[in-house]
PDB file of N, CA and C in Angstrom:
ATOM      1  N   MET A   1       0.832  -0.825   0.457  1.00  0.00           N
ATOM      2  CA  MET A   1       0.535   0.069  -0.193  1.00  0.00           C
ATOM      3  C   MET A   1       0.661   0.906  -0.204  1.00  0.00           C
ATOM      4  N   ALA A   2       2.218   1.611   1.123  1.00  0.00           N
ATOM      5  CA  ALA A   2       2.796   3.127   1.372  1.00  0.00           C
ATOM      6  C   ALA A   2       3.630   2.191  -0.016  1.00  0.00           C
ATOM      7  N   LYS A   3       3.760   4.050  -1.052  1.00  0.00           N
ATOM      8  CA  LYS A   3       5.060   4.275  -0.915  1.00  0.00           C
ATOM      9  C   LYS A   3       6.646   4.030   0.062  1.00  0.00           C
ATOM     10  N   SER A   4       7.120   4.253  -0.781  1.00  0.00           N
ATOM     11  CA  SER A   4       8.533   4.061  -0.209  1.00  0.00           C
ATOM     12  C   SER A   4       8.966   5.305  -0.268  1.00  0.00           C
ATOM     13  N   VAL A   5       8.950   6.208  -1.221  1.00  0.00           N
ATOM     14  CA  VAL A   5       9.429   7.127  -1.080  1.00  0.00           C
ATOM     15  C   VAL A   5       8.282   8.127  -1.386  1.00  0.00           C
ATOM     16  N   GLY A   6       8.294   9.382  -1.522  1.00  0.00           N
ATOM     17  CA  GLY A   6       7.339  10.598  -1.641  1.00  0.00           C
ATOM     18  C   GLY A   6       7.409  11.286  -0.394  1.00  0.00           C
ATOM     19  N   THR A   7       6.982  12.196  -0.506  1.00  0.00           N
ATOM     20  CA  THR A   7       6.169  13.118   0.076  1.00  0.00           C
ATOM     21  C   THR A   7       4.964  13.008   1.425  1.00  0.00           C
ATOM     22  N   VAL A   8       4.884  12.925   2.012  1.00  0.00           N
ATOM     23  CA  VAL A   8       3.319  12.499   3.201  1.00  0.00           C
ATOM     24  C   VAL A   8       2.222  12.844   1.974  1.00  0.00           C
ATOM     25  N   GLU A   9       1.991  14.494   1.468  1.00  0.00           N
ATOM     26  CA  GLU A   9       0.957  15.257   1.339  1.00  0.00           C
ATOM     27  C   GLU A   9       1.053  14.285  -0.207  1.00  0.00           C
ATOM     28  N   ASP A  10       2.051  13.621  -1.051  1.00  0.00           N
ATOM     29  CA  ASP A  10       1.960  13.132  -1.939  1.00  0.00           C
ATOM     30  C   ASP A  10       1.217  11.446  -1.370  1.00  0.00           C
ATOM     31  N   TYR A  11       2.125  10.706  -0.334  1.00  0.00           N
ATOM     32  CA  TYR A  11       0.809   9.517   0.169  1.00  0.00           C
ATOM     33  C   TYR A  11      -0.623   9.660   0.086  1.00  0.00           C
ATOM     34  N   LEU A  12      -0.886  10.867   1.415  1.00  0.00           N
ATOM     35  CA  LEU A  12      -2.062  11.034   1.481  1.00  0.00           C
ATOM     36  C   LEU A  12      -3.070  11.081  -0.094  1.00  0.00           C
ATOM     37  N   HIS A  13      -2.363  12.585  -1.010  1.00  0.00           N
ATOM     38  CA  HIS A  13      -3.311  11.728  -2.172  1.00  0.00           C
ATOM     39  C   HIS A  13      -3.145  11.146  -2.950  1.00  0.00           C
ATOM     40  N   HIS A  14      -2.253  10.339  -2.667  1.00  0.00           N
ATOM     41  CA  HIS A  14      -2.315   8.903  -3.477  1.00  0.00           C
ATOM     42  C   HIS A  14      -3.478   7.662  -2.548  1.00  0.00           C
ATOM     43  N   LEU A  15      -3.447   7.839  -1.453  1.00  0.00           N
ATOM     44  CA  LEU A  15      -4.072   7.661  -0.581  1.00  0.00           C
ATOM     45  C   LEU A  15      -6.573   8.259  -0.735  1.00  0.00           C
ATOM     46  N   LYS A  16      -6.423   8.927  -1.204  1.00  0.00           N
ATOM     47  CA  LYS A  16      -7.396   9.431  -1.654  1.00  0.00           C
ATOM     48  C   LYS A  16      -7.597   9.151  -2.748  1.00  0.00           C
ATOM     49  N   GLY A  17      -6.949   9.038  -3.844  1.00  0.00           N
ATOM     50  CA  GLY A  17      -7.114   8.643  -5.266  1.00  0.00           C
ATOM     51  C   GLY A  17      -7.828   6.254  -4.979  1.00  0.00           C
ATOM     52  N   LYS A  18      -7.287   6.318  -4.496  1.00  0.00           N
ATOM     53  CA  LYS A  18      -7.795   4.973  -4.182  1.00  0.00           C
ATOM     54  C   LYS A  18      -8.918   4.737  -2.826  1.00  0.00           C
ATOM     55  N   GLY A  19      -9.756   6.170  -2.545  1.00  0.00           N
ATOM     56  CA  GLY A  19     -10.773   6.402  -1.562  1.00  0.00           C
ATOM     57  C   GLY A  19     -10.728   6.580  -0.635  1.00  0.00           C
ATOM     58  N   PHE A  20      -9.293   6.751   0.744  1.00  0.00           N
ATOM     59  CA  PHE A  20      -9.399   6.905   1.491  1.00  0.00           C
ATOM     60  C   PHE A  20      -9.414   8.134   1.645  1.00  0.00           C
ATOM     61  N   GLN A  21     -10.574   9.054   2.706  1.00  0.00           N
ATOM     62  CA  GLN A  21     -10.684  10.088   2.984  1.00  0.00           C
ATOM     63  C   GLN A  21     -10.419  10.438   4.874  1.00  0.00           C
ATOM     64  N   PHE A  22      -9.706  11.836   4.242  1.00  0.00           N
ATOM     65  CA  PHE A  22      -9.349  11.927   4.990  1.00  0.00           C
ATOM     66  C   PHE A  22      -9.844  12.759   6.397  1.00  0.00           C
ATOM     67  N   GLN A  23     -10.468  13.646   7.568  1.00  0.00           N
ATOM     68  CA  GLN A  23     -11.694  14.153   7.573  1.00  0.00           C
ATOM     69  C   GLN A  23     -10.118  15.445   8.852  1.00  0.00           C
ATOM     70  N   GLU A  24     -10.341  16.803   8.938  1.00  0.00           N
ATOM     71  CA  GLU A  24      -9.495  17.748   9.029  1.00  0.00           C
ATOM     72  C   GLU A  24      -8.373  17.403   9.969  1.00  0.00           C
ATOM     73  N   ASP A  25      -9.428  16.332  11.200  1.00  0.00           N
ATOM     74  CA  ASP A  25      -8.863  15.969  12.039  1.00  0.00           C
ATOM     75  C   ASP A  25      -7.388  15.326  12.658  1.00  0.00           C
ATOM     76  N   ALA A  26      -7.525  14.127  10.906  1.00  0.00           N
ATOM     77  CA  ALA A  26      -6.754  13.045  10.850  1.00  0.00           C
ATOM     78  C   ALA A  26      -5.838  13.840  10.194  1.00  0.00           C
ATOM     79  N   ILE A  27      -5.767  14.921   9.648  1.00  0.00           N
ATOM     80  CA  ILE A  27      -4.722  15.564   9.232  1.00  0.00           C
ATOM     81  C   ILE A  27      -4.058  15.873   9.332  1.00  0.00           C
ATOM     82  N   GLY A  28      -5.044  17.226  10.479  1.00  0.00           N
ATOM     83  CA  GLY A  28      -3.331  17.315  12.117  1.00  0.00           C
ATOM     84  C   GLY A  28      -3.051  16.286  12.565  1.00  0.00           C
ATOM     85  N   PHE A  29      -3.720  15.342  12.853  1.00  0.00           N
ATOM     86  CA  PHE A  29      -2.595  14.555  13.659  1.00  0.00           C
ATOM     87  C   PHE A  29      -1.606  13.715  13.085  1.00  0.00           C
ATOM     88  N   ILE A  30      -2.302  14.102  11.611  1.00  0.00           N
ATOM     89  CA  ILE A  30      -0.385  12.978  10.919  1.00  0.00           C
ATOM     90  C   ILE A  30       0.340  14.433  10.889  1.00  0.00           C
ATOM     91  N   PHE A  31      -0.113  15.608  11.234  1.00  0.00           N
ATOM     92  CA  PHE A  31       1.023  17.000  10.691  1.00  0.00           C
ATOM     93  C   PHE A  31       1.743  17.018  12.295  1.00  0.00           C
ATOM     94  N   PHE A  32       0.433  16.161  13.016  1.00  0.00           N
ATOM     95  CA  PHE A  32       1.598  16.906  14.835  1.00  0.00           C
ATOM     96  C   PHE A  32       2.312  15.962  14.590  1.00  0.00           C
ATOM     97  N   GLY A  33       1.909  14.709  14.358  1.00  0.00           N
ATOM     98  CA  GLY A  33       3.362  13.863  14.104  1.00  0.00           C
ATOM     99  C   GLY A  33       4.411  13.746  14.536  1.00  0.00           C
ATOM    100  N   LYS A  34       4.025  14.233  13.019  1.00  0.00           N
ATOM    101  CA  LYS A  34       5.172  14.789  11.721  1.00  0.00           C
ATOM    102  C   LYS A  34       5.785  15.745  12.513  1.00  0.00           C
ATOM    103  N   HIS A  35       6.478  16.506  12.545  1.00  0.00           N
ATOM    104  CA  HIS A  35       6.355  18.015  13.409  1.00  0.00           C
ATOM    105  C   HIS A  35       6.452  17.675  14.804  1.00  0.00           C
ATOM    106  N   TYR A  36       5.898  16.714  16.121  1.00  0.00           N
ATOM    107  CA  TYR A  36       6.071  15.998  17.364  1.00  0.00           C
ATOM    108  C   TYR A  36       7.511  15.419  16.780  1.00  0.00           C
ATOM    109  N   THR A  37       7.403  14.670  16.501  1.00  0.00           N
ATOM    110  CA  THR A  37       8.706  13.334  16.352  1.00  0.00           C
ATOM    111  C   THR A  37       9.463  13.981  15.863  1.00  0.00           C
ATOM    112  N   ASN A  38       9.416  14.470  14.525  1.00  0.00           N
ATOM    113  CA  ASN A  38      10.119  15.448  13.407  1.00  0.00           C
ATOM    114  C   ASN A  38      11.034  14.009  12.608  1.00  0.00           C
ATOM    115  N   ALA A  39      10.051  12.471  11.858  1.00  0.00           N
ATOM    116  CA  ALA A  39      10.093  11.617  12.076  1.00  0.00           C
ATOM    117  C   ALA A  39       9.824  11.734  10.089  1.00  0.00           C
ATOM    118  N   SER A  40      10.792  10.552   9.431  1.00  0.00           N
ATOM    119  CA  SER A  40      10.802  11.014   8.270  1.00  0.00           C
ATOM    120  C   SER A  40      10.405  11.157   7.053  1.00  0.00           C
ATOM    121  N   ASP A  41       9.840  11.520   5.698  1.00  0.00           N
ATOM    122  CA  ASP A  41       8.051  11.406   5.337  1.00  0.00           C
ATOM    123  C   ASP A  41       8.115  10.205   5.209  1.00  0.00           C
ATOM    124  N   GLU A  42       8.964   9.276   5.179  1.00  0.00           N
ATOM    125  CA  GLU A  42       8.943   7.715   5.183  1.00  0.00           C
ATOM    126  C   GLU A  42       8.645   7.331   5.852  1.00  0.00           C
ATOM    127  N   ILE A  43       8.675   7.063   7.083  1.00  0.00           N
ATOM    128  CA  ILE A  43       8.161   6.631   8.406  1.00  0.00           C
ATOM    129  C   ILE A  43       6.975   7.375   9.209  1.00  0.00           C
ATOM    130  N   ILE A  44       6.563   8.929   8.190  1.00  0.00           N
ATOM    131  CA  ILE A  44       4.813   8.675   8.606  1.00  0.00           C
ATOM    132  C   ILE A  44       3.745   7.991   8.112  1.00  0.00           C
ATOM    133  N   ASN A  45       4.391   8.355   6.434  1.00  0.00           N
ATOM    134  CA  ASN A  45       3.682   7.283   5.094  1.00  0.00           C
ATOM    135  C   ASN A  45       3.667   5.535   6.508  1.00  0.00           C
ATOM    136  N   THR A  46       4.446   5.703   6.544  1.00  0.00           N
ATOM    137  CA  THR A  46       4.466   3.420   7.431  1.00  0.00           C
ATOM    138  C   THR A  46       3.528   3.981   8.710  1.00  0.00           C
ATOM    139  N   ALA A  47       4.103   4.832   9.184  1.00  0.00           N
ATOM    140  CA  ALA A  47       3.578   4.943  10.434  1.00  0.00           C
ATOM    141  C   ALA A  47       1.575   5.168  10.076  1.00  0.00           C
ATOM    142  N   ILE A  48       1.445   5.716   9.154  1.00  0.00           N
ATOM    143  CA  ILE A  48      -0.083   5.456   8.030  1.00  0.00           C
ATOM    144  C   ILE A  48      -1.088   4.411   7.815  1.00  0.00           C
ATOM    145  N   GLU A  49       0.058   3.636   6.781  1.00  0.00           N
ATOM    146  CA  GLU A  49      -0.149   3.395   6.410  1.00  0.00           C
ATOM    147  C   GLU A  49      -0.214   2.239   7.068  1.00  0.00           C
ATOM    148  N   MET A  50       0.757   1.225   8.616  1.00  0.00           N
ATOM    149  CA  MET A  50       0.095   0.746   9.539  1.00  0.00           C
ATOM    150  C   MET A  50      -1.398   1.154  10.515  1.00  0.00           C
ATOM    151  N   THR A  51      -1.277   2.284  10.318  1.00  0.00           N
ATOM    152  CA  THR A  51      -2.615   2.816  11.209  1.00  0.00           C
ATOM    153  C   THR A  51      -4.157   1.747  10.747  1.00  0.00           C
ATOM    154  N   LEU A  52      -3.753   2.186   8.822  1.00  0.00           N
ATOM    155  CA  LEU A  52      -5.083   2.481   8.351  1.00  0.00           C
ATOM    156  C   LEU A  52      -5.273   0.675   8.230  1.00  0.00           C
ATOM    157  N   LYS A  53      -4.405  -0.638   8.072  1.00  0.00           N
ATOM    158  CA  LYS A  53      -4.159  -1.821   8.083  1.00  0.00           C
ATOM    159  C   LYS A  53      -5.144  -2.260   9.168  1.00  0.00           C
ATOM    160  N   ALA A  54      -4.175  -1.709  10.642  1.00  0.00           N
ATOM    161  CA  ALA A  54      -4.481  -2.538  12.242  1.00  0.00           C
ATOM    162  C   ALA A  54      -6.226  -1.656  12.587  1.00  0.00           C
ATOM    163  N   GLN A  55      -6.012  -0.565  12.061  1.00  0.00           N
ATOM    164  CA  GLN A  55      -7.913   0.026  13.005  1.00  0.00           C
ATOM    165  C   GLN A  55      -8.656  -0.051  11.706  1.00  0.00           C
ATOM    166  N   ARG A  56      -8.291  -0.827  10.321  1.00  0.00           N
ATOM    167  CA  ARG A  56      -9.283  -0.638   9.309  1.00  0.00           C
ATOM    168  C   ARG A  56      -9.819   1.182   8.854  1.00  0.00           C
ATOM    169  N   SER A  57      -9.672   2.332   9.816  1.00  0.00           N
ATOM    170  CA  SER A  57      -9.640   3.231   9.551  1.00  0.00           C
ATOM    171  C   SER A  57      -8.587   4.421  10.003  1.00  0.00           C
ATOM    172  N   PHE A  58      -8.487   5.774   9.894  1.00  0.00           N
ATOM    173  CA  PHE A  58      -7.209   6.323  10.649  1.00  0.00           C
ATOM    174  C   PHE A  58      -7.625   6.766  12.376  1.00  0.00           C
ATOM    175  N   ASP A  59      -7.228   5.648  13.392  1.00  0.00           N
ATOM    176  CA  ASP A  59      -8.042   6.819  13.993  1.00  0.00           C
ATOM    177  C   ASP A  59      -6.184   7.329  14.936  1.00  0.00           C
ATOM    178  N   GLY A  60      -6.439   8.709  15.168  1.00  0.00           N
ATOM    179  CA  GLY A  60      -5.237   9.863  15.410  1.00  0.00           C
ATOM    180  C   GLY A  60      -4.663   9.387  16.580  1.00  0.00           C
ATOM    181  N   SER A  61      -4.597   8.979  17.867  1.00  0.00           N
ATOM    182  CA  SER A  61      -3.931   8.641  19.085  1.00  0.00           C
ATOM    183  C   SER A  61      -3.395   6.773  18.600  1.00  0.00           C
ATOM    184  N   PHE A  62      -3.925   5.894  17.578  1.00  0.00           N
ATOM    185  CA  PHE A  62      -3.707   4.902  18.166  1.00  0.00           C
ATOM    186  C   PHE A  62      -2.511   4.940  16.233  1.00  0.00           C
ATOM    187  N   TYR A  63      -2.355   6.021  15.572  1.00  0.00           N
ATOM    188  CA  TYR A  63      -0.780   7.012  15.061  1.00  0.00           C
ATOM    189  C   TYR A  63       0.033   6.839  15.479  1.00  0.00           C
ATOM    190  N   VAL A  64      -0.703   8.544  16.239  1.00  0.00           N
ATOM    191  CA  VAL A  64       0.699   9.582  17.382  1.00  0.00           C
ATOM    192  C   VAL A  64       1.798   8.183  18.081  1.00  0.00           C
ATOM    193  N   SER A  65       1.314   7.066  18.435  1.00  0.00           N
ATOM    194  CA  SER A  65       2.107   6.546  19.353  1.00  0.00           C
ATOM    195  C   SER A  65       2.322   5.484  18.519  1.00  0.00           C
ATOM    196  N   LEU A  66       1.671   4.608  17.680  1.00  0.00           N
ATOM    197  CA  LEU A  66       2.753   4.360  17.138  1.00  0.00           C
ATOM    198  C   LEU A  66       4.221   4.708  16.244  1.00  0.00           C
ATOM    199  N   LEU A  67       4.141   5.620  15.914  1.00  0.00           N
ATOM    200  CA  LEU A  67       4.894   7.188  15.271  1.00  0.00           C
ATOM    201  C   LEU A  67       5.697   6.877  16.278  1.00  0.00           C
ATOM    202  N   GLU A  68       6.038   7.639  18.075  1.00  0.00           N
ATOM    203  CA  GLU A  68       6.647   7.614  18.776  1.00  0.00           C
ATOM    204  C   GLU A  68       7.616   6.321  19.076  1.00  0.00           C
ATOM    205  N   THR A  69       6.499   5.217  18.669  1.00  0.00           N
ATOM    206  CA  THR A  69       7.586   3.795  19.107  1.00  0.00           C
ATOM    207  C   THR A  69       8.410   3.190  18.280  1.00  0.00           C
ATOM    208  N   LEU A  70       7.675   3.600  16.938  1.00  0.00           N
ATOM    209  CA  LEU A  70       8.535   3.321  15.976  1.00  0.00           C
ATOM    210  C   LEU A  70      10.243   4.456  16.419  1.00  0.00           C
ATOM    211  N   ILE A  71      10.375   5.451  16.408  1.00  0.00           N
ATOM    212  CA  ILE A  71      10.612   6.626  16.860  1.00  0.00           C
ATOM    213  C   ILE A  71      12.135   6.238  18.247  1.00  0.00           C
ATOM    214  N   SER A  72      11.313   6.448  19.120  1.00  0.00           N
ATOM    215  CA  SER A  72      12.197   6.174  20.290  1.00  0.00           C
ATOM    216  C   SER A  72      12.761   4.399  20.230  1.00  0.00           C
ATOM    217  N   ASN A  73      12.332   3.074  18.659  1.00  0.00           N
ATOM    218  CA  ASN A  73      13.492   2.747  18.609  1.00  0.00           C
ATOM    219  C   ASN A  73      14.100   2.346  17.693  1.00  0.00           C
ATOM    220  N   LYS A  74      14.742   4.454  17.319  1.00  0.00           N
ATOM    221  CA  LYS A  74      14.901   4.295  15.817  1.00  0.00           C
ATOM    222  C   LYS A  74      15.039   3.842  15.074  1.00  0.00           C
ATOM    223  N   ILE A  75      13.703   3.719  14.121  1.00  0.00           N
ATOM    224  CA  ILE A  75      13.552   2.947  13.051  1.00  0.00           C
ATOM    225  C   ILE A  75      13.639   4.017  12.511  1.00  0.00           C
ATOM    226  N   SER A  76      14.109   3.633  10.597  1.00  0.00           N
ATOM    227  CA  SER A  76      14.390   4.610  10.220  1.00  0.00           C
ATOM    228  C   SER A  76      14.050   4.703   8.806  1.00  0.00           C
ATOM    229  N   THR A  77      13.356   3.057   8.598  1.00  0.00           N
ATOM    230  CA  THR A  77      12.719   3.104   7.072  1.00  0.00           C
ATOM    231  C   THR A  77      12.103   1.998   7.367  1.00  0.00           C
ATOM    232  N   ARG A  78      10.876   1.915   5.978  1.00  0.00           N
ATOM    233  CA  ARG A  78       9.715   1.149   5.382  1.00  0.00           C
ATOM    234  C   ARG A  78      10.720   0.145   6.282  1.00  0.00           C
ATOM    235  N   LYS A  79      11.196  -0.908   5.899  1.00  0.00           N
ATOM    236  CA  LYS A  79      11.239  -2.016   5.368  1.00  0.00           C
ATOM    237  C   LYS A  79      11.301  -2.771   7.454  1.00  0.00           C
ATOM    238  N   GLU A  80      12.452  -1.805   8.722  1.00  0.00           N
ATOM    239  CA  GLU A  80      13.399  -2.156   9.617  1.00  0.00           C
ATOM    240  C   GLU A  80      11.326  -1.541  10.324  1.00  0.00           C
ATOM    241  N   ALA A  81      11.121  -0.158  10.134  1.00  0.00           N
ATOM    242  CA  ALA A  81       9.263  -0.672  10.808  1.00  0.00           C
ATOM    243  C   ALA A  81       8.663  -1.522  10.010  1.00  0.00           C
ATOM    244  N   ILE A  82       8.963  -2.524   9.172  1.00  0.00           N
ATOM    245  CA  ILE A  82       7.472  -3.310   9.191  1.00  0.00           C
ATOM    246  C   ILE A  82       8.551  -5.013  10.192  1.00  0.00           C
ATOM    247  N   ARG A  83       9.714  -5.046  10.289  1.00  0.00           N
ATOM    248  CA  ARG A  83      10.344  -5.874  10.573  1.00  0.00           C
ATOM    249  C   ARG A  83       9.923  -5.485  12.182  1.00  0.00           C
ATOM    250  N   PHE A  84       9.890  -4.521  13.171  1.00  0.00           N
ATOM    251  CA  PHE A  84      10.075  -4.751  14.352  1.00  0.00           C
ATOM    252  C   PHE A  84       8.170  -4.232  14.653  1.00  0.00           C
ATOM    253  N   VAL A  85       7.401  -4.221  14.243  1.00  0.00           N
ATOM    254  CA  VAL A  85       6.517  -4.907  14.564  1.00  0.00           C
ATOM    255  C   VAL A  85       5.343  -5.561  14.306  1.00  0.00           C
ATOM    256  N   LYS A  86       6.105  -6.959  13.265  1.00  0.00           N
ATOM    257  CA  LYS A  86       6.082  -8.595  13.548  1.00  0.00           C
ATOM    258  C   LYS A  86       7.302  -9.740  14.796  1.00  0.00           C
ATOM    259  N   GLU A  87       8.281  -8.247  14.946  1.00  0.00           N
ATOM    260  CA  GLU A  87       9.519  -9.134  16.089  1.00  0.00           C
ATOM    261  C   GLU A  87       8.438  -8.806  17.182  1.00  0.00           C
ATOM    262  N   LYS A  88       7.719  -7.817  17.337  1.00  0.00           N
ATOM    263  CA  LYS A  88       7.147  -7.161  18.410  1.00  0.00           C
ATOM    264  C   LYS A  88       5.970  -7.445  18.518  1.00  0.00           C
ATOM    265  N   GLU A  89       5.327  -8.172  17.513  1.00  0.00           N
ATOM    266  CA  GLU A  89       4.059  -8.843  17.645  1.00  0.00           C
ATOM    267  C   GLU A  89       3.083  -7.397  17.759  1.00  0.00           C
ATOM    268  N   LEU A  90       4.057  -6.293  17.191  1.00  0.00           N
ATOM    269  CA  LEU A  90       2.270  -4.985  17.488  1.00  0.00           C
ATOM    270  C   LEU A  90       1.208  -4.279  16.444  1.00  0.00           C
ATOM    271  N   LEU A  91       1.769  -5.353  15.416  1.00  0.00           N
ATOM    272  CA  LEU A  91       0.314  -5.488  14.414  1.00  0.00           C
ATOM    273  C   LEU A  91       0.279  -6.971  14.038  1.00  0.00           C
ATOM    274  N   ALA A  92      -0.912  -6.866  13.434  1.00  0.00           N
ATOM    275  CA  ALA A  92      -0.871  -8.556  13.036  1.00  0.00           C
ATOM    276  C   ALA A  92      -1.205  -7.504  11.138  1.00  0.00           C
ATOM    277  N   ILE A  93      -0.113  -7.235  10.915  1.00  0.00           N
ATOM    278  CA  ILE A  93       0.147  -7.122   9.048  1.00  0.00           C
ATOM    279  C   ILE A  93       0.550  -7.799   8.285  1.00  0.00           C
TER     280      ILE A  93
END
């Protein structure tokens, strides 16, 4: 689902094209998380993808918590993030 490269804006546009509609508060959470954690666009996009897969919709608090977990564990790529959540059994993806 996630493109490993591209800006957060590009990824949100990509998802919108696939039928995902994000409310203003969801967009706010996404960019709050980005600025709060100083995460790369790749990690932000991956956290959005994992949130949508796990929750079947966008859950802002789940997203921010996941993002904090990835950053605190020094996860810097999509591949590392997927490996991390599988190893820790955080999500069934």
